Amino acid sequence: MADHYLIGFGAARLSAMFLPLLELNSRFFIAILLLLGGWRALHPAIGMSVGNLIEFFFLAGLFFQPVQVIGAQYNQALTAMAGAEQVFDLLDRPPEWVDEPGA
């Protein structure tokens, strides 16, 4: 039972680090996009429209949403592997009782 606790705790710790890092990555990209895109939209010599900047924001959201879904599925796979390891450990144990000869 202690092994299951340790495996589950390890999977939870990886999940607690992995999913926020994915979120931080997408927010960092959006912040850079806001700075550079805002500068380009407000700079008169470049001539980029604010509509293009808003469209790119929506496209960035469409890009990062599947990445976060894949990260959540990876988290579920880690949890499932932790449970499967415990089940296979239980299946590999020898039985606690045996039949008497000739039973």
Protein backbone atom coordinates (compact mmCIF):
# COMPACT_ATOMS: atom_id res chain seq x y z
CA MET A 1 0.00 0.00 0.00
CA ALA A 2 2.91 2.34 0.70
CA ASP A 3 4.20 1.76 -2.85
CA HIS A 4 0.88 2.85 -4.30
CA TYR A 5 1.00 5.98 -2.16
CA LEU A 6 4.52 6.82 -3.34
CA ILE A 7 3.70 6.21 -7.00
CA GLY A 8 0.50 8.24 -6.78
CA PHE A 9 2.30 11.02 -4.94
CA GLY A 10 5.00 11.10 -7.62
CA ALA A 11 2.40 11.30 -10.38
CA ALA A 12 0.59 14.11 -8.54
CA ARG A 13 3.85 16.00 -8.09
CA LEU A 14 4.67 15.72 -11.81
CA SER A 15 1.17 16.88 -12.64
CA ALA A 16 1.50 19.82 -10.26
CA MET A 17 4.66 20.89 -12.08
CA PHE A 18 3.80 19.99 -15.67
CA LEU A 19 0.37 21.57 -16.15
CA PRO A 20 1.28 24.98 -14.67
CA LEU A 21 4.41 25.05 -16.84
CA LEU A 22 2.27 24.54 -19.93
CA GLU A 23 -0.02 27.35 -18.80
CA LEU A 24 2.96 29.60 -18.06
CA ASN A 25 4.37 28.90 -21.51
CA SER A 26 1.17 29.98 -23.23
CA ARG A 27 0.79 33.09 -21.04
CA PHE A 28 4.42 34.05 -21.66
CA PHE A 29 3.84 33.80 -25.41
CA ILE A 30 0.68 35.93 -25.15
CA ALA A 31 2.56 38.56 -23.12
CA ILE A 32 5.31 38.76 -25.74
CA LEU A 33 2.66 38.88 -28.44
CA LEU A 34 0.94 41.74 -26.65
CA LEU A 35 4.17 43.72 -26.31
CA LEU A 36 5.52 43.20 -29.82
CA GLY A 37 2.16 43.18 -31.55
CA GLY A 38 1.03 46.28 -29.68
CA TRP A 39 4.22 48.06 -30.64
CA ARG A 40 3.79 47.06 -34.28
CA ALA A 41 0.13 48.09 -34.32
CA LEU A 42 0.88 51.51 -32.80
CA HIS A 43 4.01 52.20 -34.88
CA PRO A 44 2.96 54.32 -37.87
CA ALA A 45 5.78 53.20 -40.19
CA ILE A 46 4.93 49.49 -39.97
CA GLY A 47 1.24 49.87 -40.70
CA MET A 48 -0.05 46.71 -39.01
CA SER A 49 -3.73 46.93 -38.17
CA VAL A 50 -5.18 46.27 -34.73
CA GLY A 51 -7.51 43.73 -36.38
CA ASN A 52 -4.51 41.62 -37.41
CA LEU A 53 -3.24 41.71 -33.82
CA ILE A 54 -6.60 40.59 -32.45
CA GLU A 55 -6.82 37.84 -35.07
CA PHE A 56 -3.36 36.62 -34.07
CA PHE A 57 -4.46 36.54 -30.41
CA PHE A 58 -7.35 34.27 -31.33
CA LEU A 59 -5.10 32.04 -33.43
CA ALA A 60 -2.59 31.78 -30.57
CA GLY A 61 -5.43 30.63 -28.29
CA LEU A 62 -6.44 28.03 -30.86
CA PHE A 63 -2.83 26.82 -30.96
CA PHE A 64 -2.27 26.54 -27.20
CA GLN A 65 -5.62 24.96 -26.29
CA PRO A 66 -4.76 21.53 -27.83
CA VAL A 67 -1.33 21.66 -26.20
CA GLN A 68 -2.98 22.04 -22.79
CA VAL A 69 -5.41 19.21 -23.60
CA ILE A 70 -2.48 16.96 -24.50
CA GLY A 71 -0.83 17.94 -21.21
CA ALA A 72 -3.97 16.97 -19.29
CA GLN A 73 -4.11 13.64 -21.13
CA TYR A 74 -0.46 13.05 -20.24
CA ASN A 75 -1.35 13.68 -16.61
CA GLN A 76 -4.14 11.11 -16.82
CA ALA A 77 -1.75 8.63 -18.44
CA LEU A 78 0.71 9.08 -15.55
CA THR A 79 -2.05 8.41 -13.05
CA ALA A 80 -3.21 5.35 -14.99
CA MET A 81 0.34 3.98 -15.18
CA ALA A 82 0.71 4.40 -11.42
CA GLY A 83 -2.50 2.41 -10.87
CA ALA A 84 -1.56 -0.21 -13.46
CA GLU A 85 1.79 -0.77 -11.80
CA GLN A 86 0.03 -1.50 -8.53
CA VAL A 87 -2.40 -3.90 -10.24
CA PHE A 88 0.41 -5.80 -11.97
CA ASP A 89 2.31 -5.99 -8.69
CA LEU A 90 -0.76 -7.54 -7.11
CA LEU A 91 -1.15 -10.02 -9.99
CA ASP A 92 2.50 -11.07 -9.75
CA ARG A 93 2.28 -12.00 -6.06
CA PRO A 94 2.09 -15.70 -5.26
CA PRO A 95 -1.19 -16.78 -3.67
CA GLU A 96 -1.35 -16.74 0.11
CA TRP A 97 -2.97 -20.18 0.22
CA VAL A 98 -2.53 -23.31 -1.85
CA ASP A 99 -4.71 -26.36 -2.32
CA GLU A 100 -3.79 -29.50 -0.51
CA PRO A 101 -2.37 -32.23 -2.74
CA GLY A 102 -5.15 -34.39 -4.16
CA ALA A 103 -7.87 -31.78 -3.56
